[in-house]
Every structure is written in C-alpha cells, then in structure tokens.
Protein backbone atom coordinates (compact mmCIF):
# COMPACT_ATOMS: atom_id res chain seq x y z
CA MET A 1 2.94 -9.21 -4.30
CA PRO A 2 4.43 -6.24 -6.10
CA ILE A 3 2.05 -2.75 -6.31
CA GLY A 4 1.64 -1.72 -9.12
CA VAL A 5 -0.73 1.27 -10.84
CA ILE A 6 -3.85 -0.20 -12.63
CA GLY A 7 -3.50 1.61 -16.21
CA ILE A 8 -2.90 1.08 -19.68
CA GLY A 9 0.16 -0.47 -20.16
CA PRO A 10 2.48 -2.31 -17.88
CA ALA A 11 2.19 -1.76 -13.89
CA LEU A 12 4.53 0.34 -12.12
CA PRO A 13 6.92 -1.93 -9.71
CA ILE A 14 8.19 0.00 -6.54
CA ILE A 15 11.92 -0.36 -6.93
CA ASP A 16 13.05 -3.25 -4.42
CA SER A 17 13.37 -2.16 -0.84
CA GLU A 18 16.59 -2.98 1.11
CA PRO A 19 16.42 -5.70 3.68
CA ALA A 20 14.76 -4.63 6.97
CA GLU A 21 16.84 -2.68 9.01
CA ARG A 22 16.95 -1.75 13.23
CA ALA A 23 15.92 0.89 14.26
CA ASP A 24 18.75 2.46 15.05
CA ALA A 25 20.71 1.52 11.76
CA ALA A 26 17.47 3.15 10.00
CA ARG A 27 17.98 6.19 12.24
CA ASN A 28 22.25 6.22 11.12
CA ARG A 29 21.45 6.07 7.68
CA LYS A 30 18.85 8.90 7.57
CA LEU A 31 21.17 11.01 9.47
CA LEU A 32 24.48 10.18 6.70
CA LEU A 33 21.92 11.11 4.19
CA ASP A 34 20.19 14.08 5.34
CA ALA A 35 23.80 15.58 6.34
CA ALA A 36 25.20 14.49 2.55
CA ALA A 37 21.81 16.25 1.01
CA GLU A 38 22.83 19.34 2.93
CA LEU A 39 26.29 19.35 1.64
CA VAL A 40 25.02 19.12 -1.62
CA ARG A 41 22.59 21.65 -1.27
CA THR A 42 25.19 24.18 -0.31
CA GLY A 43 28.39 23.41 -1.87
CA GLY A 44 27.43 20.90 -4.86
CA ALA A 45 29.19 17.44 -5.90
CA ASP A 46 32.48 18.16 -5.03
CA ALA A 47 31.52 19.17 -1.43
CA LEU A 48 30.20 15.34 -1.18
CA THR A 49 33.29 13.76 0.58
CA MET A 50 33.18 11.10 3.27
CA ASP A 51 35.01 13.41 5.75
CA ALA A 52 32.48 16.01 5.02
CA VAL A 53 29.41 13.63 5.68
CA ALA A 54 31.09 12.18 8.74
CA LYS A 55 31.51 15.97 10.04
CA GLN A 56 28.19 16.70 9.40
CA ALA A 57 26.16 14.12 10.98
CA GLY A 58 28.69 14.46 13.83
CA VAL A 59 29.85 10.92 13.25
CA GLY A 60 33.37 9.24 12.73
CA LYS A 61 34.58 8.46 9.52
CA GLY A 62 34.80 4.86 9.67
CA THR A 63 30.89 4.85 10.13
CA VAL A 64 30.30 6.25 6.72
CA PHE A 65 32.73 3.96 5.08
CA ARG A 66 31.16 0.99 6.92
CA ARG A 67 27.51 2.24 5.84
CA PHE A 68 28.05 3.27 2.18
CA GLY A 69 31.74 1.45 1.07
CA ASN A 70 32.99 4.50 -0.56
CA ARG A 71 32.40 7.96 -2.16
CA ALA A 72 30.60 5.93 -5.14
CA GLY A 73 28.69 4.11 -2.61
CA LEU A 74 27.19 7.37 -1.00
CA MET A 75 26.31 9.16 -4.42
CA TYR A 76 24.26 6.15 -5.19
CA ALA A 77 22.50 5.54 -2.26
CA LEU A 78 21.85 9.41 -2.31
CA LEU A 79 20.25 8.95 -5.34
CA ASP A 80 18.16 5.90 -4.62
CA GLU A 81 16.55 7.88 -1.52
CA SER A 82 15.77 10.72 -4.10
CA ASP A 83 14.22 8.26 -6.72
CA ARG A 84 11.98 6.73 -3.58
CA LYS A 85 10.73 10.11 -2.40
CA LEU A 86 9.62 11.03 -5.73
CA GLN A 87 8.05 7.57 -6.73
CA ALA A 88 6.26 7.60 -3.31
CA ALA A 89 4.76 10.85 -4.37
CA TYR A 90 3.84 10.18 -7.67
CA MET A 91 2.20 6.84 -7.20
CA PHE A 92 0.80 7.52 -3.62
CA GLY A 93 0.66 11.21 -3.37
CA PRO A 94 -1.89 13.71 -3.70
CA PRO A 95 -2.85 14.84 -6.92
CA PRO A 96 -2.05 16.45 -9.56
CA LEU A 97 1.48 14.68 -9.14
CA GLY A 98 -0.14 11.52 -7.28
CA PRO A 99 -3.27 9.36 -8.40
CA GLY A 100 -6.67 11.52 -9.19
CA ALA A 101 -6.30 14.14 -11.65
CA PRO A 102 -6.26 13.80 -15.00
CA PRO A 103 -2.88 11.86 -16.95
CA LEU A 104 -1.82 15.06 -18.51
CA GLU A 105 -1.66 17.04 -15.42
CA ARG A 106 -0.15 14.32 -13.91
CA LEU A 107 2.56 14.27 -16.28
CA CYS A 108 2.83 18.28 -16.16
CA ALA A 109 3.17 17.59 -12.62
CA TYR A 110 5.67 15.07 -12.65
CA GLY A 111 8.36 16.88 -14.83
CA ARG A 112 8.17 20.17 -12.21
CA ALA A 113 8.62 17.41 -9.65
CA ARG A 114 11.81 15.78 -11.34
CA LEU A 115 12.77 19.39 -11.91
CA ALA A 116 12.83 20.22 -8.28
CA PHE A 117 14.64 17.07 -7.28
CA THR A 118 17.42 17.91 -9.93
CA GLU A 119 17.63 21.49 -8.72
CA ILE A 120 18.83 19.90 -5.31
CA GLU A 121 20.72 16.86 -5.96
CA GLY A 122 21.59 17.67 -9.82
CA ASP A 123 25.25 17.71 -9.28
CA VAL A 124 25.37 14.20 -8.09
CA ARG A 125 22.68 12.71 -10.19
CA ARG A 126 25.07 14.32 -13.33
CA ALA A 127 28.21 12.56 -11.95
CA ALA A 128 26.59 9.45 -11.30
CA THR A 129 24.60 8.77 -14.13
CA ASP A 130 26.79 10.56 -16.91
CA ASN A 131 26.91 7.21 -18.95
CA SER A 132 24.63 4.77 -20.98
CA SER A 133 24.23 2.50 -18.69
CA HIS A 134 21.92 5.04 -16.60
CA TYR A 135 19.25 3.88 -19.46
CA GLY A 136 19.23 0.41 -18.49
CA GLY A 137 18.91 0.77 -14.78
CA ALA A 138 15.71 0.33 -12.62
CA PRO A 139 15.54 4.11 -11.42
CA TYR A 140 15.24 5.17 -15.13
CA ASN A 141 13.07 2.40 -16.23
CA LEU A 142 10.47 3.01 -13.67
CA THR A 143 10.47 6.74 -14.55
CA LYS A 144 9.96 5.70 -18.32
CA THR A 145 6.99 3.11 -17.43
CA HIS A 146 5.30 5.86 -15.33
CA VAL A 147 5.54 8.46 -18.31
CA SER A 148 4.58 5.68 -20.81
CA ILE A 149 1.78 4.83 -18.53
CA LEU A 150 0.16 8.52 -18.38
CA LEU A 151 0.73 8.99 -22.52
CA ARG A 152 -1.41 5.93 -23.11
CA GLN A 153 -3.99 7.29 -20.58
CA ALA A 154 -4.08 10.35 -22.57
CA GLY A 155 -4.65 8.56 -25.68
CA THR A 156 -1.19 10.03 -27.25
CA PRO A 157 -0.36 8.18 -30.31
CA GLY A 158 2.56 7.31 -31.81
CA ASP A 159 5.48 5.49 -30.25
CA ILE A 160 4.94 5.23 -26.59
CA ALA A 161 8.46 4.10 -25.37
CA LEU A 162 10.72 6.80 -27.90
CA LEU A 163 8.16 9.75 -26.71
CA ALA A 164 8.69 8.60 -22.96
CA ASP A 165 12.35 8.65 -24.08
CA ALA A 166 12.23 11.83 -25.75
CA LEU A 167 10.17 13.70 -22.90
CA LEU A 168 12.50 12.18 -20.01
CA ALA A 169 15.54 14.00 -22.05
CA PRO A 170 14.90 17.63 -21.16
CA LEU A 171 15.01 16.48 -17.52
CA GLY A 172 18.28 15.40 -17.42
CA ALA A 173 20.21 17.04 -14.81
CA ALA A 174 23.36 18.09 -16.92
CA LEU A 175 21.25 19.45 -19.30
CA VAL A 176 19.13 21.30 -16.60
CA LEU A 177 21.93 22.65 -14.74
CA HIS A 178 23.88 23.73 -18.18
CA GLN A 179 20.52 25.75 -18.79
CA ILE A 180 20.00 27.00 -15.73
CA ARG A 181 23.44 27.86 -14.88
CA ARG A 182 25.60 28.57 -18.52
CA LEU A 183 22.37 30.07 -19.84
CA GLY A 184 20.69 31.83 -17.59
CA PHE A 185 17.11 30.48 -17.32
CA THR A 186 14.81 29.61 -14.00
CA LEU A 187 14.14 26.28 -13.04
CA GLU A 188 10.22 27.58 -13.73
CA GLN A 189 11.13 28.83 -17.29
CA VAL A 190 12.40 25.00 -17.74
CA GLY A 191 9.30 23.70 -16.36
CA ASP A 192 7.23 25.60 -18.33
CA ASN A 193 8.90 25.04 -21.59
CA TRP A 194 8.89 21.28 -20.64
CA GLU A 195 4.87 21.24 -19.99
CA ALA A 196 4.34 23.21 -23.31
CA LEU A 197 6.19 20.25 -24.83
CA VAL A 198 4.29 17.83 -23.27
CA ARG A 199 0.41 19.76 -24.28
CA ARG A 200 1.96 19.97 -27.99
CA ILE A 201 2.48 15.92 -27.66
CA VAL A 202 -0.39 15.02 -25.73
CA PRO A 203 -3.86 15.08 -27.07
CA ALA A 204 -5.65 18.63 -25.88
CA THR A 205 -9.02 16.74 -25.35
CA ASP A 206 -8.30 14.81 -22.29
CA ALA A 207 -11.32 14.80 -20.13
CA ARG A 208 -11.49 11.36 -18.73
CA HIS A 209 -11.87 10.59 -15.09
CA PRO A 210 -8.81 8.81 -13.76
CA ASP A 211 -10.70 5.93 -12.50
CA ASP A 212 -7.81 3.78 -13.73
CA ASN A 213 -5.24 5.52 -11.69
CA ARG A 214 -5.87 3.42 -8.11
CA THR A 215 -3.12 1.59 -6.45
CA VAL A 216 -3.45 -2.07 -5.70
CA GLU A 217 -1.97 -5.10 -3.74
C-alpha cells in the first residue's frame, strides 16, 4: 500500500521505486551516481560525460552505458536520486524539514533544502527540465503536493494549487543560478527572500501542533 502523509489534502505518494537490485548492482549504481555528482559539483553539467563518469568511478565506459543508456539517462538518474533524497528528508527526516514542526516552519525549511540541492545539481536540473513537460512529471507534482498540503495545514487562503506553483517558481534551478552567478546574490539571500515571501502568503498565526503530520502505511 502506498505510503502517504496524513493531512489536509491528498496523500503524498513516494516516487515509484525501481525493481529490487542485486547488492552488487546497487553498489555499482551508487558508485556511478556518486561519481557523477562529484563531477557536477566541481565542473558543472558540462563536465558530466559518460567518459568522465567512467574515469571518476574507475570503471569501463561500457559499464556506464549499460547502466544508463546515454548521457540523458545519466542526467535523469542523477536528478531522480536527488529527488528521492529530498523527499525522504521531508517525509521521514527530523523537523523542521520533516514531520514534527508547524506547517509554516516546514514550508520554510523545505525551500532552503531545495535551494541547497539546486546549488549542487542546478546545472543538471536546468538542462534536463527546461521544458513545459517538467510540470506534468512525477517529481514536480510530488513537490507541489507536499507544498500544497503544508499550505492547507497552515490555513492559507486562496487557490492552493496556484499558490503552490507560485512558491515553487522562485526555486527553479535556472532562476536561482542566474541570481547567484549573474546577479551576485548568495544562496542564503535567495533563501531569506523565499522565506519572506512564504511568510507574507501564509497566515501569521500558526500555533497548531502538527499532530496530522504523521506517516502511515
């Protein structure tokens, strides 16, 4: 049975997991994705090639191709891994990002966590999701559902679906990287501005204890 977060609004599903892997296959996948992430951290998305990942991981290039098919497959696998880590953090991790804090505080923590992931993998996310189909995909809609649930729990008035989109737009990788690299803002400044926006939209009085933020199978 799918796992969801109990709250106002739809349950939050987990991204469908891949078929069970052998232990050695899972280790190889992690090795390759860790190598890919390190290349992005040090050289941006342009450094993410099949040859470079193979060299960084210490394996043959054929291993990378067999695992991911091509560079696009590698990029999406890296983004999927990033989405899974962030989702696990806000569904099962400690507060304020995870359950146990008031909705407003969780929403602010989510924005800052999302920005931290963007700083590391923003080039890849921008290259892989710079099209309208991104908004119909599972990762974006899982994120939108999470934000919508927190907005409803905090008693936010208005059209929640539109508000969720409006709050997620400033966290988009392309815009954040432009603000940091071209305009000279720091990631902390971007996060402070996003939190100020959230606090203007969400009602100021939010003293409810988040008893409905439990997770259930």
